[in-house]
Amino acid sequence: EVVKQLDTTLRDAKCPRPKLADPSKILDQMMELKQCQTDETSFSDDAKEEMLAEKRTELSKAHRWESYVKFQEDMHKLREKVTKRIAANDATAKTVKSDNDKKRLASRVAQVKGVKPEEIDEGSIVSTNVDLPPEVTALSFLYRQRFEKQYGVIIDRPDGAKGMGKGPGQMPPPRSFIVHGVGGETAGCV
């Protein structure tokens, strides 16, 4: 959102590049015009004033162009900062989500084992993928709770899906399960 606003602001502030973009050259030309004397062989006063007015307009356009170029550089720097900050925030959010998932998993394992969540170390929880034929996974309601209580593990679907939502379609049985538990209990269940 912020990056889009930066792009929009930069696009809206854009100005055309003048023919002569160097203000110092324009100022030199204005000085020469002011210093030249008016006589019969040179410009008239009206022509001189008209040329000075054109030079002032060119100078204004050159200053506007310089300001735009500086603004463009600042916006690109700001964009880089914002992009880096967004990436850092995303990484932090993923870390926090990962930590929350570990805590949630530890509390679920503790609940199955009948102990307090504080008694289980989050780092000791092991997750193992178990590939089974769809015929066996479709009948998981027959053995799932018994294995969870017997071994003190949690048996989850790999996608973490709870259902398909509304509609007539039914979700096919998974091809594998994930068994979460503490150390050797997971291997015993598998």
N, C-alpha and C. Protein backbone atom coordinates (compact mmCIF):
# COMPACT_ATOMS: atom_id res chain seq x y z
N GLU A 1 0.82 -1.19 0.00
CA GLU A 1 0.00 0.00 0.00
C GLU A 1 0.87 1.26 0.00
N VAL A 2 1.85 1.31 0.87
CA VAL A 2 2.72 2.48 0.95
C VAL A 2 3.54 2.62 -0.33
N VAL A 3 4.03 1.50 -0.85
CA VAL A 3 4.83 1.53 -2.07
C VAL A 3 3.99 2.04 -3.24
N LYS A 4 2.72 1.63 -3.29
CA LYS A 4 1.83 2.11 -4.35
C LYS A 4 1.62 3.62 -4.23
N GLN A 5 1.47 4.10 -3.00
CA GLN A 5 1.30 5.54 -2.80
C GLN A 5 2.55 6.30 -3.22
N LEU A 6 3.72 5.73 -2.94
CA LEU A 6 4.97 6.36 -3.37
C LEU A 6 5.02 6.46 -4.90
N ASP A 7 4.66 5.38 -5.57
CA ASP A 7 4.67 5.38 -7.03
C ASP A 7 3.69 6.40 -7.59
N THR A 8 2.50 6.46 -6.98
CA THR A 8 1.47 7.41 -7.43
C THR A 8 1.95 8.85 -7.23
N THR A 9 2.53 9.14 -6.08
CA THR A 9 3.02 10.49 -5.80
C THR A 9 4.12 10.87 -6.78
N LEU A 10 5.01 9.95 -7.06
CA LEU A 10 6.10 10.22 -8.01
C LEU A 10 5.56 10.47 -9.41
N ARG A 11 4.56 9.68 -9.80
CA ARG A 11 3.96 9.85 -11.12
C ARG A 11 3.23 11.19 -11.22
N ASP A 12 2.51 11.57 -10.16
CA ASP A 12 1.76 12.83 -10.17
C ASP A 12 2.68 14.05 -10.18
N ALA A 13 3.85 13.94 -9.56
CA ALA A 13 4.76 15.08 -9.45
C ALA A 13 5.66 15.23 -10.68
N LYS A 14 5.58 14.29 -11.61
CA LYS A 14 6.49 14.31 -12.76
C LYS A 14 6.31 15.59 -13.58
N CYS A 15 7.43 16.11 -14.06
CA CYS A 15 7.39 17.30 -14.92
C CYS A 15 8.27 17.04 -16.13
N PRO A 16 8.01 17.75 -17.24
CA PRO A 16 8.82 17.53 -18.44
C PRO A 16 10.23 18.09 -18.27
N ARG A 17 11.17 17.45 -18.94
CA ARG A 17 12.56 17.91 -18.88
C ARG A 17 12.72 19.09 -19.82
N PRO A 18 13.25 20.21 -19.32
CA PRO A 18 13.42 21.38 -20.19
C PRO A 18 14.58 21.19 -21.17
N LYS A 19 14.58 22.03 -22.22
CA LYS A 19 15.66 21.95 -23.21
C LYS A 19 17.01 22.25 -22.57
N LEU A 20 17.02 23.27 -21.73
CA LEU A 20 18.24 23.64 -21.03
C LEU A 20 17.99 23.43 -19.53
N ALA A 21 18.58 22.36 -18.97
CA ALA A 21 18.27 21.98 -17.60
C ALA A 21 19.29 22.50 -16.59
N ASP A 22 20.33 23.19 -17.06
CA ASP A 22 21.37 23.67 -16.15
C ASP A 22 21.10 25.13 -15.78
N PRO A 23 20.68 25.40 -14.53
CA PRO A 23 20.36 26.77 -14.13
C PRO A 23 21.55 27.73 -14.21
N SER A 24 22.75 27.23 -14.00
CA SER A 24 23.92 28.12 -14.03
C SER A 24 24.13 28.70 -15.43
N LYS A 25 23.89 27.90 -16.47
CA LYS A 25 24.03 28.41 -17.83
C LYS A 25 22.96 29.46 -18.12
N ILE A 26 21.76 29.21 -17.65
CA ILE A 26 20.67 30.17 -17.87
C ILE A 26 20.98 31.47 -17.14
N LEU A 27 21.50 31.37 -15.92
CA LEU A 27 21.85 32.59 -15.17
C LEU A 27 22.97 33.36 -15.89
N ASP A 28 23.94 32.64 -16.45
CA ASP A 28 25.00 33.31 -17.22
C ASP A 28 24.42 34.05 -18.43
N GLN A 29 23.49 33.40 -19.10
CA GLN A 29 22.86 34.04 -20.26
C GLN A 29 22.06 35.28 -19.83
N MET A 30 21.40 35.21 -18.69
CA MET A 30 20.64 36.37 -18.19
C MET A 30 21.59 37.52 -17.86
N MET A 31 22.73 37.21 -17.25
CA MET A 31 23.72 38.24 -16.91
C MET A 31 24.24 38.93 -18.18
N GLU A 32 24.51 38.12 -19.20
CA GLU A 32 24.99 38.69 -20.46
C GLU A 32 23.95 39.62 -21.08
N LEU A 33 22.68 39.19 -21.00
CA LEU A 33 21.61 40.03 -21.55
C LEU A 33 21.50 41.35 -20.79
N LYS A 34 21.61 41.28 -19.48
CA LYS A 34 21.51 42.50 -18.68
C LYS A 34 22.69 43.43 -18.91
N GLN A 35 23.86 42.87 -19.17
CA GLN A 35 25.06 43.67 -19.33
C GLN A 35 25.21 44.27 -20.72
N CYS A 36 24.53 43.69 -21.69
CA CYS A 36 24.70 44.23 -23.04
C CYS A 36 24.01 45.59 -23.13
N GLN A 37 24.65 46.48 -23.82
CA GLN A 37 24.14 47.85 -23.92
C GLN A 37 23.18 47.96 -25.09
N THR A 38 22.22 48.77 -24.88
CA THR A 38 21.24 48.98 -25.94
C THR A 38 21.68 50.14 -26.82
N ASP A 39 21.81 49.86 -28.09
CA ASP A 39 22.09 50.90 -29.07
C ASP A 39 21.44 50.49 -30.38
N GLU A 40 21.78 51.15 -31.44
CA GLU A 40 21.12 50.88 -32.72
C GLU A 40 21.50 49.52 -33.29
N THR A 41 22.67 48.99 -32.98
CA THR A 41 23.11 47.71 -33.53
C THR A 41 22.67 46.51 -32.70
N SER A 42 22.29 46.71 -31.46
CA SER A 42 21.90 45.58 -30.60
C SER A 42 20.37 45.55 -30.44
N PHE A 43 19.94 44.83 -29.44
CA PHE A 43 18.50 44.63 -29.22
C PHE A 43 17.87 45.91 -28.66
N SER A 44 16.58 46.04 -28.92
CA SER A 44 15.83 47.14 -28.31
C SER A 44 15.51 46.78 -26.86
N ASP A 45 15.07 47.77 -26.11
CA ASP A 45 14.73 47.51 -24.70
C ASP A 45 13.58 46.51 -24.58
N ASP A 46 12.62 46.61 -25.46
CA ASP A 46 11.48 45.68 -25.42
C ASP A 46 11.93 44.25 -25.72
N ALA A 47 12.76 44.11 -26.73
CA ALA A 47 13.26 42.77 -27.08
C ALA A 47 14.10 42.20 -25.94
N LYS A 48 14.90 43.07 -25.34
CA LYS A 48 15.75 42.64 -24.22
C LYS A 48 14.89 42.16 -23.05
N GLU A 49 13.83 42.91 -22.72
CA GLU A 49 12.92 42.52 -21.63
C GLU A 49 12.19 41.22 -21.95
N GLU A 50 11.81 41.08 -23.21
CA GLU A 50 11.13 39.86 -23.63
C GLU A 50 12.06 38.65 -23.52
N MET A 51 13.30 38.83 -23.92
CA MET A 51 14.29 37.74 -23.82
C MET A 51 14.58 37.40 -22.35
N LEU A 52 14.65 38.42 -21.49
CA LEU A 52 14.86 38.16 -20.06
C LEU A 52 13.67 37.40 -19.46
N ALA A 53 12.46 37.75 -19.90
CA ALA A 53 11.27 37.05 -19.41
C ALA A 53 11.31 35.57 -19.84
N GLU A 54 11.75 35.30 -21.07
CA GLU A 54 11.89 33.90 -21.54
C GLU A 54 12.94 33.16 -20.71
N LYS A 55 14.03 33.85 -20.41
CA LYS A 55 15.10 33.23 -19.62
C LYS A 55 14.62 32.94 -18.19
N ARG A 56 13.79 33.85 -17.64
CA ARG A 56 13.23 33.59 -16.30
C ARG A 56 12.32 32.35 -16.32
N THR A 57 11.53 32.23 -17.38
CA THR A 57 10.67 31.05 -17.52
C THR A 57 11.51 29.78 -17.64
N GLU A 58 12.57 29.84 -18.47
CA GLU A 58 13.47 28.69 -18.61
C GLU A 58 14.13 28.36 -17.27
N LEU A 59 14.52 29.40 -16.53
CA LEU A 59 15.15 29.19 -15.22
C LEU A 59 14.18 28.52 -14.25
N SER A 60 12.94 28.97 -14.30
CA SER A 60 11.91 28.36 -13.44
C SER A 60 11.73 26.87 -13.79
N LYS A 61 11.68 26.57 -15.09
CA LYS A 61 11.53 25.17 -15.52
C LYS A 61 12.75 24.34 -15.12
N ALA A 62 13.94 24.93 -15.22
CA ALA A 62 15.16 24.21 -14.84
C ALA A 62 15.18 23.92 -13.34
N HIS A 63 14.75 24.92 -12.54
CA HIS A 63 14.69 24.69 -11.08
C HIS A 63 13.65 23.63 -10.75
N ARG A 64 12.54 23.68 -11.43
CA ARG A 64 11.50 22.66 -11.19
C ARG A 64 12.04 21.28 -11.54
N TRP A 65 12.77 21.18 -12.65
CA TRP A 65 13.34 19.89 -13.04
C TRP A 65 14.35 19.40 -12.00
N GLU A 66 15.22 20.29 -11.53
CA GLU A 66 16.18 19.92 -10.49
C GLU A 66 15.47 19.41 -9.24
N SER A 67 14.41 20.12 -8.85
CA SER A 67 13.64 19.72 -7.67
C SER A 67 13.00 18.35 -7.88
N TYR A 68 12.47 18.12 -9.07
CA TYR A 68 11.85 16.84 -9.36
C TYR A 68 12.87 15.71 -9.30
N VAL A 69 14.05 15.92 -9.88
CA VAL A 69 15.09 14.88 -9.87
C VAL A 69 15.50 14.56 -8.43
N LYS A 70 15.66 15.59 -7.60
CA LYS A 70 16.01 15.38 -6.19
C LYS A 70 14.88 14.64 -5.47
N PHE A 71 13.65 15.05 -5.74
CA PHE A 71 12.48 14.39 -5.15
C PHE A 71 12.42 12.92 -5.57
N GLN A 72 12.72 12.66 -6.85
CA GLN A 72 12.70 11.30 -7.36
C GLN A 72 13.74 10.44 -6.64
N GLU A 73 14.94 10.98 -6.44
CA GLU A 73 15.99 10.25 -5.72
C GLU A 73 15.56 9.96 -4.29
N ASP A 74 14.98 10.96 -3.63
CA ASP A 74 14.52 10.77 -2.25
C ASP A 74 13.42 9.72 -2.17
N MET A 75 12.52 9.73 -3.15
CA MET A 75 11.43 8.75 -3.16
C MET A 75 11.97 7.33 -3.38
N HIS A 76 12.99 7.19 -4.23
CA HIS A 76 13.58 5.86 -4.44
C HIS A 76 14.27 5.37 -3.18
N LYS A 77 14.95 6.27 -2.47
CA LYS A 77 15.57 5.88 -1.20
C LYS A 77 14.51 5.47 -0.19
N LEU A 78 13.44 6.25 -0.12
CA LEU A 78 12.34 5.93 0.80
C LEU A 78 11.70 4.60 0.43
N ARG A 79 11.55 4.35 -0.84
CA ARG A 79 10.97 3.08 -1.30
C ARG A 79 11.84 1.91 -0.86
N GLU A 80 13.15 2.05 -1.01
CA GLU A 80 14.06 0.98 -0.57
C GLU A 80 13.93 0.75 0.93
N LYS A 81 13.87 1.84 1.71
CA LYS A 81 13.71 1.72 3.16
C LYS A 81 12.42 1.00 3.51
N VAL A 82 11.33 1.41 2.85
CA VAL A 82 10.02 0.82 3.13
C VAL A 82 10.02 -0.66 2.75
N THR A 83 10.61 -0.98 1.61
CA THR A 83 10.66 -2.38 1.18
C THR A 83 11.45 -3.23 2.17
N LYS A 84 12.59 -2.70 2.64
CA LYS A 84 13.38 -3.44 3.63
C LYS A 84 12.61 -3.60 4.93
N ARG A 85 11.92 -2.54 5.36
CA ARG A 85 11.15 -2.60 6.60
C ARG A 85 10.01 -3.62 6.49
N ILE A 86 9.34 -3.64 5.33
CA ILE A 86 8.25 -4.60 5.12
C ILE A 86 8.79 -6.02 5.16
N ALA A 87 9.94 -6.25 4.53
CA ALA A 87 10.55 -7.58 4.55
C ALA A 87 10.92 -7.99 5.98
N ALA A 88 11.48 -7.04 6.75
CA ALA A 88 11.83 -7.34 8.14
C ALA A 88 10.58 -7.64 8.97
N ASN A 89 9.52 -6.88 8.74
CA ASN A 89 8.28 -7.11 9.48
C ASN A 89 7.68 -8.47 9.12
N ASP A 90 7.74 -8.84 7.84
CA ASP A 90 7.23 -10.15 7.43
C ASP A 90 8.02 -11.28 8.09
N ALA A 91 9.34 -11.11 8.14
CA ALA A 91 10.18 -12.13 8.79
C ALA A 91 9.85 -12.24 10.28
N THR A 92 9.64 -11.10 10.93
CA THR A 92 9.26 -11.11 12.35
C THR A 92 7.91 -11.77 12.55
N ALA A 93 6.97 -11.46 11.67
CA ALA A 93 5.63 -12.05 11.78
C ALA A 93 5.69 -13.57 11.60
N LYS A 94 6.53 -14.03 10.66
CA LYS A 94 6.67 -15.48 10.46
C LYS A 94 7.28 -16.15 11.68
N THR A 95 8.26 -15.48 12.30
CA THR A 95 8.88 -16.03 13.50
C THR A 95 7.87 -16.12 14.64
N VAL A 96 7.10 -15.06 14.81
CA VAL A 96 6.09 -15.05 15.86
C VAL A 96 5.04 -16.12 15.59
N LYS A 97 4.62 -16.25 14.34
CA LYS A 97 3.62 -17.27 13.99
C LYS A 97 4.18 -18.66 14.26
N SER A 98 5.45 -18.86 13.90
CA SER A 98 6.09 -20.15 14.14
C SER A 98 6.14 -20.46 15.63
N ASP A 99 6.50 -19.45 16.44
CA ASP A 99 6.54 -19.65 17.89
C ASP A 99 5.15 -19.94 18.44
N ASN A 100 4.15 -19.24 17.95
CA ASN A 100 2.78 -19.49 18.39
C ASN A 100 2.32 -20.88 18.01
N ASP A 101 2.69 -21.33 16.79
CA ASP A 101 2.34 -22.69 16.36
C ASP A 101 2.99 -23.73 17.26
N LYS A 102 4.26 -23.48 17.64
CA LYS A 102 4.95 -24.41 18.53
C LYS A 102 4.27 -24.47 19.89
N LYS A 103 3.88 -23.30 20.42
CA LYS A 103 3.21 -23.26 21.72
C LYS A 103 1.86 -23.97 21.66
N ARG A 104 1.13 -23.71 20.57
CA ARG A 104 -0.18 -24.35 20.40
C ARG A 104 -0.03 -25.86 20.31
N LEU A 105 0.96 -26.31 19.55
CA LEU A 105 1.22 -27.74 19.40
C LEU A 105 1.63 -28.36 20.73
N ALA A 106 2.48 -27.65 21.48
CA ALA A 106 2.90 -28.16 22.80
C ALA A 106 1.70 -28.27 23.74
N SER A 107 0.81 -27.29 23.71
CA SER A 107 -0.37 -27.37 24.60
C SER A 107 -1.30 -28.49 24.18
N ARG A 108 -1.41 -28.74 22.88
CA ARG A 108 -2.26 -29.86 22.41
C ARG A 108 -1.67 -31.20 22.84
N VAL A 109 -0.34 -31.34 22.71
CA VAL A 109 0.31 -32.59 23.13
C VAL A 109 0.16 -32.76 24.64
N ALA A 110 0.31 -31.68 25.39
CA ALA A 110 0.16 -31.75 26.85
C ALA A 110 -1.26 -32.15 27.22
N GLN A 111 -2.23 -31.62 26.50
CA GLN A 111 -3.63 -31.96 26.79
C GLN A 111 -3.88 -33.44 26.54
N VAL A 112 -3.33 -33.99 25.47
CA VAL A 112 -3.51 -35.42 25.16
C VAL A 112 -2.83 -36.28 26.22
N LYS A 113 -1.65 -35.83 26.69
CA LYS A 113 -0.92 -36.59 27.69
C LYS A 113 -1.49 -36.41 29.10
N GLY A 114 -2.31 -35.37 29.27
CA GLY A 114 -2.90 -35.12 30.58
C GLY A 114 -1.97 -34.38 31.53
N VAL A 115 -1.07 -33.57 31.01
CA VAL A 115 -0.16 -32.78 31.83
C VAL A 115 -0.34 -31.30 31.50
N LYS A 116 0.32 -30.46 32.29
CA LYS A 116 0.25 -29.02 32.04
C LYS A 116 1.16 -28.67 30.86
N PRO A 117 0.78 -27.65 30.08
CA PRO A 117 1.61 -27.25 28.93
C PRO A 117 3.02 -26.80 29.32
N GLU A 118 3.19 -26.27 30.52
CA GLU A 118 4.50 -25.80 30.97
C GLU A 118 5.48 -26.96 31.16
N GLU A 119 4.95 -28.17 31.40
CA GLU A 119 5.79 -29.33 31.66
C GLU A 119 6.42 -29.90 30.39
N ILE A 120 5.91 -29.48 29.23
CA ILE A 120 6.44 -30.01 27.97
C ILE A 120 7.28 -28.94 27.30
N ASP A 121 8.51 -29.33 26.93
CA ASP A 121 9.41 -28.41 26.24
C ASP A 121 9.02 -28.36 24.77
N GLU A 122 8.85 -27.15 24.24
CA GLU A 122 8.45 -26.99 22.84
C GLU A 122 9.50 -27.55 21.89
N GLY A 123 10.74 -27.50 22.27
CA GLY A 123 11.82 -28.01 21.41
C GLY A 123 11.87 -29.52 21.35
N SER A 124 11.25 -30.20 22.32
CA SER A 124 11.31 -31.66 22.34
C SER A 124 10.22 -32.30 21.50
N ILE A 125 9.31 -31.50 20.98
CA ILE A 125 8.22 -32.05 20.17
C ILE A 125 8.74 -32.37 18.77
N VAL A 126 8.46 -33.61 18.34
CA VAL A 126 8.91 -34.10 17.04
C VAL A 126 7.69 -34.34 16.17
N SER A 127 7.77 -33.94 14.91
CA SER A 127 6.69 -34.19 13.95
C SER A 127 7.20 -35.14 12.89
N THR A 128 6.42 -36.21 12.64
CA THR A 128 6.82 -37.23 11.68
C THR A 128 5.71 -37.42 10.66
N ASN A 129 6.07 -37.43 9.38
CA ASN A 129 5.10 -37.71 8.32
C ASN A 129 4.96 -39.22 8.16
N VAL A 130 3.73 -39.68 8.09
CA VAL A 130 3.47 -41.10 7.91
C VAL A 130 2.61 -41.25 6.66
N ASP A 131 3.16 -41.91 5.63
CA ASP A 131 2.42 -42.14 4.39
C ASP A 131 1.62 -43.43 4.53
N LEU A 132 0.32 -43.33 4.25
CA LEU A 132 -0.58 -44.46 4.35
C LEU A 132 -1.47 -44.50 3.10
N PRO A 133 -2.01 -45.65 2.76
CA PRO A 133 -2.94 -45.71 1.62
C PRO A 133 -4.23 -44.93 1.96
N PRO A 134 -4.87 -44.36 0.97
CA PRO A 134 -6.11 -43.60 1.22
C PRO A 134 -7.21 -44.42 1.89
N GLU A 135 -7.23 -45.74 1.66
CA GLU A 135 -8.25 -46.58 2.30
C GLU A 135 -8.08 -46.58 3.82
N VAL A 136 -6.83 -46.54 4.28
CA VAL A 136 -6.54 -46.53 5.71
C VAL A 136 -6.81 -45.15 6.31
N THR A 137 -6.40 -44.11 5.61
CA THR A 137 -6.60 -42.77 6.14
C THR A 137 -8.07 -42.38 6.16
N ALA A 138 -8.87 -42.95 5.26
CA ALA A 138 -10.30 -42.65 5.24
C ALA A 138 -10.98 -43.18 6.49
N LEU A 139 -10.44 -44.22 7.09
CA LEU A 139 -11.02 -44.83 8.29
C LEU A 139 -10.29 -44.38 9.56
N SER A 140 -9.67 -43.23 9.53
CA SER A 140 -8.88 -42.76 10.66
C SER A 140 -9.74 -42.55 11.91
N PHE A 141 -11.03 -42.32 11.75
CA PHE A 141 -11.90 -42.14 12.91
C PHE A 141 -11.98 -43.39 13.77
N LEU A 142 -11.62 -44.56 13.22
CA LEU A 142 -11.66 -45.81 13.98
C LEU A 142 -10.46 -45.95 14.94
N TYR A 143 -9.30 -45.44 14.57
CA TYR A 143 -8.09 -45.66 15.37
C TYR A 143 -7.42 -44.38 15.88
N ARG A 144 -7.82 -43.26 15.39
CA ARG A 144 -7.11 -42.01 15.71
C ARG A 144 -7.11 -41.68 17.21
N GLN A 145 -8.29 -41.63 17.83
CA GLN A 145 -8.36 -41.27 19.26
C GLN A 145 -7.67 -42.30 20.14
N ARG A 146 -7.78 -43.57 19.78
CA ARG A 146 -7.15 -44.60 20.59
C ARG A 146 -5.64 -44.47 20.55
N PHE A 147 -5.05 -44.23 19.36
CA PHE A 147 -3.60 -44.04 19.24
C PHE A 147 -3.15 -42.78 19.96
N GLU A 148 -3.95 -41.71 19.86
CA GLU A 148 -3.58 -40.46 20.52
C GLU A 148 -3.51 -40.66 22.04
N LYS A 149 -4.49 -41.35 22.60
CA LYS A 149 -4.48 -41.58 24.06
C LYS A 149 -3.40 -42.58 24.46
N GLN A 150 -3.23 -43.64 23.67
CA GLN A 150 -2.29 -44.69 24.01
C GLN A 150 -0.84 -44.20 23.97
N TYR A 151 -0.49 -43.43 22.95
CA TYR A 151 0.90 -43.01 22.78
C TYR A 151 1.17 -41.57 23.21
N GLY A 152 0.14 -40.82 23.51
CA GLY A 152 0.32 -39.42 23.93
C GLY A 152 0.80 -38.53 22.79
N VAL A 153 0.24 -38.76 21.60
CA VAL A 153 0.62 -37.99 20.41
C VAL A 153 -0.64 -37.35 19.81
N ILE A 154 -0.41 -36.49 18.82
CA ILE A 154 -1.51 -35.90 18.07
C ILE A 154 -1.35 -36.34 16.62
N ILE A 155 -2.43 -36.77 16.02
CA ILE A 155 -2.41 -37.17 14.62
C ILE A 155 -3.21 -36.14 13.84
N ASP A 156 -2.53 -35.45 12.92
CA ASP A 156 -3.13 -34.37 12.13
C ASP A 156 -3.07 -34.69 10.65
N ARG A 157 -3.97 -34.02 9.92
CA ARG A 157 -3.89 -34.06 8.46
C ARG A 157 -2.71 -33.19 8.04
N PRO A 158 -2.04 -33.50 6.95
CA PRO A 158 -0.88 -32.70 6.55
C PRO A 158 -1.23 -31.27 6.14
N ASP A 159 -2.41 -31.06 5.59
CA ASP A 159 -2.79 -29.73 5.15
C ASP A 159 -3.47 -28.92 6.24
N GLY A 160 -3.77 -29.54 7.35
CA GLY A 160 -4.42 -28.84 8.44
C GLY A 160 -5.85 -28.45 8.12
N ALA A 161 -6.42 -29.05 7.07
CA ALA A 161 -7.77 -28.67 6.65
C ALA A 161 -8.80 -29.24 7.61
N LYS A 162 -9.86 -28.46 7.80
CA LYS A 162 -10.94 -28.92 8.67
C LYS A 162 -12.15 -29.31 7.86
N GLY A 163 -12.17 -28.95 6.60
CA GLY A 163 -13.30 -29.27 5.75
C GLY A 163 -13.30 -28.41 4.51
N MET A 164 -14.22 -28.68 3.65
CA MET A 164 -14.30 -27.96 2.39
C MET A 164 -15.18 -26.72 2.48
N GLY A 165 -15.87 -26.53 3.60
CA GLY A 165 -16.78 -25.40 3.68
C GLY A 165 -18.13 -25.76 3.10
N LYS A 166 -18.83 -24.77 2.58
CA LYS A 166 -20.15 -25.02 2.01
C LYS A 166 -20.02 -25.70 0.67
N GLY A 167 -21.06 -26.44 0.32
CA GLY A 167 -21.07 -27.06 -0.99
C GLY A 167 -21.22 -28.56 -0.90
N PRO A 168 -21.61 -29.16 -2.01
CA PRO A 168 -21.87 -30.60 -2.02
C PRO A 168 -20.60 -31.45 -2.06
N GLY A 169 -19.47 -30.86 -2.49
CA GLY A 169 -18.24 -31.64 -2.63
C GLY A 169 -17.70 -32.13 -1.30
N GLN A 170 -17.11 -33.32 -1.33
CA GLN A 170 -16.51 -33.87 -0.12
C GLN A 170 -15.02 -34.00 -0.35
N MET A 171 -14.26 -33.72 0.70
CA MET A 171 -12.80 -33.73 0.59
C MET A 171 -12.30 -35.16 0.55
N PRO A 172 -11.38 -35.48 -0.39
CA PRO A 172 -10.83 -36.85 -0.43
C PRO A 172 -9.95 -37.10 0.78
N PRO A 173 -9.80 -38.35 1.19
CA PRO A 173 -8.95 -38.65 2.35
C PRO A 173 -7.49 -38.30 2.04
N PRO A 174 -6.75 -37.88 3.07
CA PRO A 174 -5.34 -37.53 2.84
C PRO A 174 -4.51 -38.77 2.54
N ARG A 175 -3.38 -38.57 1.93
CA ARG A 175 -2.47 -39.68 1.63
C ARG A 175 -1.49 -39.92 2.75
N SER A 176 -1.46 -39.00 3.71
CA SER A 176 -0.53 -39.16 4.83
C SER A 176 -1.07 -38.42 6.05
N PHE A 177 -0.45 -38.69 7.19
CA PHE A 177 -0.75 -37.99 8.43
C PHE A 177 0.55 -37.45 9.00
N ILE A 178 0.41 -36.46 9.87
CA ILE A 178 1.56 -35.96 10.62
C ILE A 178 1.33 -36.34 12.07
N VAL A 179 2.30 -37.03 12.65
CA VAL A 179 2.20 -37.44 14.05
C VAL A 179 3.11 -36.52 14.86
N HIS A 180 2.51 -35.78 15.81
CA HIS A 180 3.26 -34.87 16.67
C HIS A 180 3.34 -35.49 18.06
N GLY A 181 4.52 -35.51 18.63
CA GLY A 181 4.67 -36.04 19.97
C GLY A 181 6.06 -35.73 20.53
N VAL A 182 6.29 -36.20 21.75
CA VAL A 182 7.56 -35.98 22.41
C VAL A 182 8.47 -37.15 22.12
N GLY A 183 9.62 -36.86 21.48
CA GLY A 183 10.69 -37.85 21.24
C GLY A 183 10.25 -39.20 20.74
N GLY A 184 10.52 -40.26 21.54
CA GLY A 184 10.29 -41.62 21.15
C GLY A 184 8.82 -42.02 21.05
N GLU A 185 7.94 -41.25 21.66
CA GLU A 185 6.51 -41.59 21.58
C GLU A 185 6.01 -41.54 20.15
N THR A 186 6.54 -40.61 19.37
CA THR A 186 6.14 -40.49 17.97
C THR A 186 6.57 -41.74 17.21
N ALA A 187 7.80 -42.18 17.43
CA ALA A 187 8.29 -43.38 16.75
C ALA A 187 7.50 -44.61 17.18
N GLY A 188 7.12 -44.68 18.45
CA GLY A 188 6.33 -45.81 18.93
C GLY A 188 4.96 -45.88 18.26
N CYS A 189 4.35 -44.75 18.03
CA CYS A 189 3.03 -44.69 17.40
C CYS A 189 3.12 -45.08 15.93
N VAL A 190 4.19 -44.67 15.28
CA VAL A 190 4.35 -44.96 13.85
C VAL A 190 4.58 -46.43 13.67
